[in-house]
Protein backbone atom coordinates (compact mmCIF):
# COMPACT_ATOMS: atom_id res chain seq x y z
CA MET A 1 -18.54 36.27 -70.80
CA ILE A 2 -16.87 33.16 -69.39
CA PRO A 3 -17.15 30.85 -72.46
CA PRO A 4 -15.35 33.27 -74.83
CA LEU A 5 -12.63 33.78 -72.23
CA PHE A 6 -12.31 30.01 -71.88
CA ILE A 7 -11.78 29.68 -75.64
CA PHE A 8 -9.24 32.51 -75.56
CA PHE A 9 -7.23 30.87 -72.80
CA ILE A 10 -7.37 27.47 -74.47
CA VAL A 11 -6.13 28.91 -77.78
CA MET A 12 -3.41 31.04 -76.24
CA GLY A 13 -2.41 28.31 -73.78
CA SER A 14 -2.00 25.73 -76.53
CA ILE A 15 0.31 28.13 -78.39
CA TYR A 16 2.22 29.17 -75.28
CA PHE A 17 2.82 25.61 -74.06
CA GLY A 18 3.76 24.39 -77.53
CA LEU A 19 0.88 21.94 -77.89
CA ALA A 20 -0.22 23.36 -81.23
CA THR A 21 0.86 25.80 -83.89
CA PRO A 22 -1.00 29.10 -84.20
CA THR A 23 -2.94 27.75 -87.18
CA GLU A 24 -4.04 24.64 -85.28
CA SER A 25 -4.98 26.76 -82.28
CA ALA A 26 -7.08 29.00 -84.51
CA ALA A 27 -8.92 25.94 -85.79
CA PHE A 28 -9.52 24.88 -82.21
CA GLY A 29 -10.93 28.30 -81.41
CA ALA A 30 -13.17 28.23 -84.48
CA GLY A 31 -14.53 24.83 -83.50
CA GLY A 32 -15.23 26.06 -80.00
CA ALA A 33 -16.93 29.16 -81.36
CA LEU A 34 -19.21 27.04 -83.55
CA ILE A 35 -20.22 25.01 -80.53
CA LEU A 36 -20.95 28.18 -78.54
CA VAL A 37 -23.10 29.56 -81.35
CA GLY A 38 -25.09 26.34 -81.45
CA LEU A 39 -25.60 26.33 -77.71
CA ASN A 40 -26.42 30.02 -77.21
CA ARG A 41 -28.74 30.85 -80.11
CA GLN A 42 -32.36 30.33 -79.11
CA ASN A 43 -34.14 31.82 -82.11
CA ILE A 44 -32.78 29.48 -84.80
CA ALA A 45 -34.15 26.17 -86.01
CA LYS A 46 -33.12 23.01 -84.18
CA TRP A 47 -31.41 21.55 -87.24
CA VAL A 48 -29.30 24.70 -87.64
CA ARG A 49 -28.31 24.58 -83.97
CA ARG A 50 -27.42 20.90 -84.28
CA SER A 51 -25.43 21.63 -87.44
CA TYR A 52 -23.33 24.23 -85.63
CA ILE A 53 -22.68 21.87 -82.75
CA ALA A 54 -21.85 18.95 -85.07
CA ALA A 55 -19.48 21.07 -87.15
CA GLY A 56 -17.72 22.37 -84.06
CA LEU A 57 -17.36 18.93 -82.51
CA SER A 58 -16.07 17.42 -85.74
CA ALA A 59 -13.50 20.21 -86.08
CA LEU A 60 -12.31 19.63 -82.52
CA VAL A 61 -12.12 15.85 -83.00
CA LEU A 62 -10.13 16.22 -86.22
CA LEU A 63 -7.75 18.63 -84.53
CA LEU A 64 -7.25 16.33 -81.57
CA LEU A 65 -6.54 13.43 -83.94
CA ARG A 66 -4.01 15.61 -85.71
CA LEU A 67 -2.26 16.50 -82.45
CA THR A 68 -1.83 12.88 -81.31
């Protein structure tokens, strides 16, 4: 229950404090969700898990580069 709440507070906090637009915050939340899926799913193949984690990390890196 804590990881989804963490993503929620990060997304809402970035909007509230003016760090990102709602669209950028949604992308941040989607990247975080992909990482959580890759970390929490035990019954999927390793390459699928790694793909989810890689996609989530790349989305977060691209967003952070956009914000700087």
